[in-house]
Amino acid sequence: MSTETNVKEDAEKVGGPQLVVVELARRRSPDQIKRLRKGRGRLVDDIDDTLLELVKSGTISADAQPVVIVVREAPTLFGFLSDDDDDD
């Protein structure tokens, strides 16, 4: 993909809609997020490119409705206490 992303698919559901989670690989600036919320900027282009590649690869259908969720990370009290490693 044009931007470094992590794609997780919910392959256990059979017959229902498939859940695809795309995590952008790096933290984005507040200005980039503000432009995204207004529907413009580089992040919108990155999301469009990612969706196009997912459609081309057959991961999602062309008529799938994308949902974009912006998450704000809270700063940790100490630099060594982070919740980056998931226990999946």
N, C-alpha and C. Protein backbone atom coordinates (compact mmCIF):
# COMPACT_ATOMS: atom_id res chain seq x y z
N MET A 1 0.83 -1.17 0.00
CA MET A 1 0.00 0.00 0.00
C MET A 1 0.88 1.24 0.00
N SER A 2 0.34 2.33 -0.49
CA SER A 2 1.15 3.52 -0.64
C SER A 2 1.64 4.05 0.69
N THR A 3 0.83 3.98 1.73
CA THR A 3 1.28 4.35 3.06
C THR A 3 1.43 3.08 3.86
N GLU A 4 2.30 3.10 4.82
CA GLU A 4 2.52 1.91 5.62
C GLU A 4 1.32 1.69 6.52
N THR A 5 0.61 0.59 6.31
CA THR A 5 -0.60 0.32 7.08
C THR A 5 -0.58 -1.11 7.60
N ASN A 6 -1.43 -1.35 8.55
CA ASN A 6 -1.62 -2.68 9.10
C ASN A 6 -3.08 -3.03 8.91
N VAL A 7 -3.37 -4.10 8.17
CA VAL A 7 -4.74 -4.49 7.88
C VAL A 7 -5.06 -5.77 8.64
N LYS A 8 -6.17 -5.74 9.39
CA LYS A 8 -6.64 -6.91 10.11
C LYS A 8 -8.03 -7.25 9.60
N GLU A 9 -8.22 -8.50 9.20
CA GLU A 9 -9.51 -8.92 8.67
C GLU A 9 -10.20 -9.86 9.66
N ASP A 10 -11.51 -9.72 9.78
CA ASP A 10 -12.30 -10.61 10.61
C ASP A 10 -12.79 -11.73 9.72
N ALA A 11 -12.00 -12.78 9.60
CA ALA A 11 -12.31 -13.87 8.68
C ALA A 11 -13.22 -14.92 9.31
N GLU A 12 -13.50 -14.84 10.59
CA GLU A 12 -14.31 -15.86 11.25
C GLU A 12 -15.79 -15.72 10.93
N LYS A 13 -16.25 -14.53 10.59
CA LYS A 13 -17.66 -14.35 10.26
C LYS A 13 -17.94 -14.94 8.89
N VAL A 14 -18.95 -15.74 8.80
CA VAL A 14 -19.31 -16.35 7.53
C VAL A 14 -20.70 -15.85 7.15
N GLY A 15 -20.81 -15.31 5.96
CA GLY A 15 -22.10 -14.87 5.46
C GLY A 15 -22.46 -13.45 5.84
N GLY A 16 -21.84 -12.87 6.83
CA GLY A 16 -22.14 -11.50 7.24
C GLY A 16 -21.12 -10.54 6.67
N PRO A 17 -21.30 -9.27 6.97
CA PRO A 17 -20.33 -8.29 6.49
C PRO A 17 -18.97 -8.51 7.15
N GLN A 18 -17.93 -8.28 6.38
CA GLN A 18 -16.58 -8.51 6.87
C GLN A 18 -16.03 -7.21 7.48
N LEU A 19 -15.35 -7.33 8.60
CA LEU A 19 -14.75 -6.20 9.28
C LEU A 19 -13.29 -6.12 8.89
N VAL A 20 -12.86 -4.98 8.37
CA VAL A 20 -11.47 -4.75 8.02
C VAL A 20 -11.01 -3.53 8.78
N VAL A 21 -9.95 -3.69 9.56
CA VAL A 21 -9.39 -2.59 10.34
C VAL A 21 -8.06 -2.21 9.72
N VAL A 22 -7.90 -0.94 9.39
CA VAL A 22 -6.65 -0.43 8.82
C VAL A 22 -6.08 0.58 9.79
N GLU A 23 -4.89 0.31 10.29
CA GLU A 23 -4.21 1.23 11.19
C GLU A 23 -3.12 1.94 10.42
N LEU A 24 -3.13 3.26 10.50
CA LEU A 24 -2.04 4.00 9.87
C LEU A 24 -0.79 3.81 10.71
N ALA A 25 0.34 3.70 10.07
CA ALA A 25 1.55 3.24 10.74
C ALA A 25 2.19 4.27 11.66
N ARG A 26 1.91 5.53 11.47
CA ARG A 26 2.58 6.52 12.31
C ARG A 26 1.60 7.57 12.79
N ARG A 27 2.00 8.29 13.79
CA ARG A 27 1.19 9.35 14.36
C ARG A 27 1.11 10.52 13.39
N ARG A 28 -0.02 11.15 13.33
CA ARG A 28 -0.23 12.28 12.42
C ARG A 28 -0.34 13.58 13.20
N SER A 29 -0.02 14.68 12.56
CA SER A 29 -0.04 15.98 13.23
C SER A 29 -1.48 16.45 13.43
N PRO A 30 -1.69 17.32 14.42
CA PRO A 30 -3.04 17.88 14.63
C PRO A 30 -3.58 18.62 13.40
N ASP A 31 -2.69 19.27 12.65
CA ASP A 31 -3.14 19.96 11.43
C ASP A 31 -3.64 18.99 10.38
N GLN A 32 -2.96 17.84 10.25
CA GLN A 32 -3.42 16.83 9.29
C GLN A 32 -4.77 16.27 9.70
N ILE A 33 -4.98 16.06 11.00
CA ILE A 33 -6.27 15.55 11.49
C ILE A 33 -7.36 16.59 11.26
N LYS A 34 -7.06 17.85 11.49
CA LYS A 34 -8.04 18.92 11.28
C LYS A 34 -8.47 18.97 9.81
N ARG A 35 -7.51 18.85 8.90
CA ARG A 35 -7.85 18.85 7.47
C ARG A 35 -8.67 17.61 7.11
N LEU A 36 -8.33 16.45 7.71
CA LEU A 36 -9.10 15.22 7.46
C LEU A 36 -10.55 15.40 7.88
N ARG A 37 -10.77 15.99 9.03
CA ARG A 37 -12.13 16.21 9.51
C ARG A 37 -12.91 17.14 8.59
N LYS A 38 -12.22 18.00 7.86
CA LYS A 38 -12.87 18.89 6.90
C LYS A 38 -12.99 18.25 5.52
N GLY A 39 -12.47 17.01 5.38
CA GLY A 39 -12.61 16.28 4.13
C GLY A 39 -11.58 16.62 3.09
N ARG A 40 -10.43 17.11 3.51
CA ARG A 40 -9.38 17.45 2.54
C ARG A 40 -8.02 17.11 3.15
N GLY A 41 -6.99 17.26 2.35
CA GLY A 41 -5.63 17.05 2.84
C GLY A 41 -5.06 15.70 2.46
N ARG A 42 -3.82 15.52 2.87
CA ARG A 42 -3.07 14.32 2.49
C ARG A 42 -3.66 13.05 3.09
N LEU A 43 -4.20 13.11 4.30
CA LEU A 43 -4.79 11.91 4.90
C LEU A 43 -5.99 11.41 4.11
N VAL A 44 -6.78 12.32 3.56
CA VAL A 44 -7.91 11.90 2.72
C VAL A 44 -7.39 11.15 1.50
N ASP A 45 -6.32 11.66 0.91
CA ASP A 45 -5.72 10.98 -0.24
C ASP A 45 -5.17 9.61 0.16
N ASP A 46 -4.52 9.53 1.34
CA ASP A 46 -3.99 8.25 1.81
C ASP A 46 -5.11 7.25 2.04
N ILE A 47 -6.22 7.69 2.60
CA ILE A 47 -7.36 6.80 2.85
C ILE A 47 -7.97 6.34 1.52
N ASP A 48 -8.11 7.26 0.57
CA ASP A 48 -8.63 6.89 -0.75
C ASP A 48 -7.73 5.86 -1.43
N ASP A 49 -6.41 6.06 -1.35
CA ASP A 49 -5.47 5.11 -1.96
C ASP A 49 -5.57 3.74 -1.29
N THR A 50 -5.67 3.72 0.03
CA THR A 50 -5.78 2.47 0.76
C THR A 50 -7.06 1.73 0.39
N LEU A 51 -8.18 2.46 0.33
CA LEU A 51 -9.45 1.83 -0.05
C LEU A 51 -9.39 1.28 -1.47
N LEU A 52 -8.77 2.02 -2.38
CA LEU A 52 -8.64 1.56 -3.77
C LEU A 52 -7.83 0.27 -3.83
N GLU A 53 -6.75 0.19 -3.07
CA GLU A 53 -5.94 -1.02 -3.07
C GLU A 53 -6.68 -2.20 -2.44
N LEU A 54 -7.50 -1.94 -1.41
CA LEU A 54 -8.29 -3.01 -0.80
C LEU A 54 -9.35 -3.53 -1.77
N VAL A 55 -9.93 -2.64 -2.57
CA VAL A 55 -10.91 -3.06 -3.58
C VAL A 55 -10.22 -3.86 -4.68
N LYS A 56 -9.07 -3.39 -5.15
CA LYS A 56 -8.33 -4.10 -6.20
C LYS A 56 -7.90 -5.49 -5.76
N SER A 57 -7.53 -5.63 -4.48
CA SER A 57 -7.08 -6.94 -3.99
C SER A 57 -8.24 -7.87 -3.66
N GLY A 58 -9.48 -7.34 -3.68
CA GLY A 58 -10.64 -8.16 -3.39
C GLY A 58 -10.94 -8.29 -1.91
N THR A 59 -10.27 -7.53 -1.08
CA THR A 59 -10.51 -7.58 0.36
C THR A 59 -11.86 -7.00 0.71
N ILE A 60 -12.24 -5.92 0.04
CA ILE A 60 -13.56 -5.30 0.24
C ILE A 60 -14.22 -5.12 -1.11
N SER A 61 -15.55 -5.00 -1.10
CA SER A 61 -16.26 -4.79 -2.36
C SER A 61 -16.22 -3.30 -2.72
N ALA A 62 -16.45 -3.02 -3.99
CA ALA A 62 -16.38 -1.64 -4.47
C ALA A 62 -17.48 -0.77 -3.87
N ASP A 63 -18.57 -1.37 -3.43
CA ASP A 63 -19.67 -0.58 -2.86
C ASP A 63 -19.66 -0.57 -1.33
N ALA A 64 -18.54 -1.00 -0.73
CA ALA A 64 -18.43 -1.00 0.74
C ALA A 64 -18.44 0.43 1.27
N GLN A 65 -19.07 0.62 2.41
CA GLN A 65 -19.15 1.94 3.03
C GLN A 65 -17.99 2.09 4.02
N PRO A 66 -17.02 2.97 3.72
CA PRO A 66 -15.90 3.12 4.65
C PRO A 66 -16.30 3.94 5.88
N VAL A 67 -15.71 3.60 7.00
CA VAL A 67 -15.90 4.34 8.25
C VAL A 67 -14.51 4.71 8.75
N VAL A 68 -14.27 6.00 8.98
CA VAL A 68 -12.97 6.47 9.46
C VAL A 68 -13.14 6.91 10.91
N ILE A 69 -12.32 6.38 11.78
CA ILE A 69 -12.36 6.73 13.20
C ILE A 69 -11.02 7.35 13.56
N VAL A 70 -11.06 8.54 14.11
CA VAL A 70 -9.85 9.22 14.54
C VAL A 70 -9.71 9.01 16.04
N VAL A 71 -8.57 8.48 16.46
CA VAL A 71 -8.33 8.19 17.86
C VAL A 71 -7.26 9.13 18.38
N ARG A 72 -7.54 9.74 19.52
CA ARG A 72 -6.55 10.61 20.15
C ARG A 72 -5.84 9.81 21.23
N GLU A 73 -4.52 9.76 21.16
CA GLU A 73 -3.75 9.05 22.17
C GLU A 73 -3.51 9.96 23.36
N ALA A 74 -3.79 9.44 24.53
CA ALA A 74 -3.51 10.20 25.75
C ALA A 74 -2.04 10.02 26.10
N PRO A 75 -1.36 11.08 26.49
CA PRO A 75 0.04 10.93 26.86
C PRO A 75 0.17 10.09 28.13
N THR A 76 1.21 9.30 28.19
CA THR A 76 1.43 8.46 29.36
C THR A 76 2.15 9.26 30.43
N LEU A 77 1.98 8.85 31.67
CA LEU A 77 2.63 9.53 32.78
C LEU A 77 4.14 9.36 32.71
N PHE A 78 4.55 8.16 32.40
CA PHE A 78 5.98 7.86 32.25
C PHE A 78 6.19 7.30 30.85
N GLY A 79 7.29 7.64 30.24
CA GLY A 79 7.56 7.19 28.89
C GLY A 79 7.62 5.70 28.73
N PHE A 80 7.98 4.97 29.78
CA PHE A 80 8.10 3.52 29.66
C PHE A 80 6.78 2.80 29.88
N LEU A 81 5.74 3.48 30.28
CA LEU A 81 4.42 2.87 30.47
C LEU A 81 3.55 3.17 29.26
N SER A 82 3.64 2.34 28.27
CA SER A 82 2.80 2.54 27.09
C SER A 82 1.99 1.29 26.84
N ASP A 83 0.89 1.45 26.13
CA ASP A 83 -0.02 0.35 25.84
C ASP A 83 0.07 -0.05 24.39
N ASP A 84 1.28 -0.01 23.82
CA ASP A 84 1.47 -0.30 22.41
C ASP A 84 1.41 -1.78 22.08
N ASP A 85 1.79 -2.64 23.01
CA ASP A 85 1.83 -4.06 22.71
C ASP A 85 0.53 -4.71 23.16
N ASP A 86 -0.22 -5.23 22.17
CA ASP A 86 -1.49 -5.91 22.44
C ASP A 86 -1.23 -7.36 22.79
N ASP A 87 -2.09 -7.91 23.61
CA ASP A 87 -1.97 -9.30 24.02
C ASP A 87 -2.94 -10.17 23.22
N ASP A 88 -2.91 -10.07 21.89
CA ASP A 88 -3.84 -10.83 21.02
C ASP A 88 -3.51 -12.26 21.04
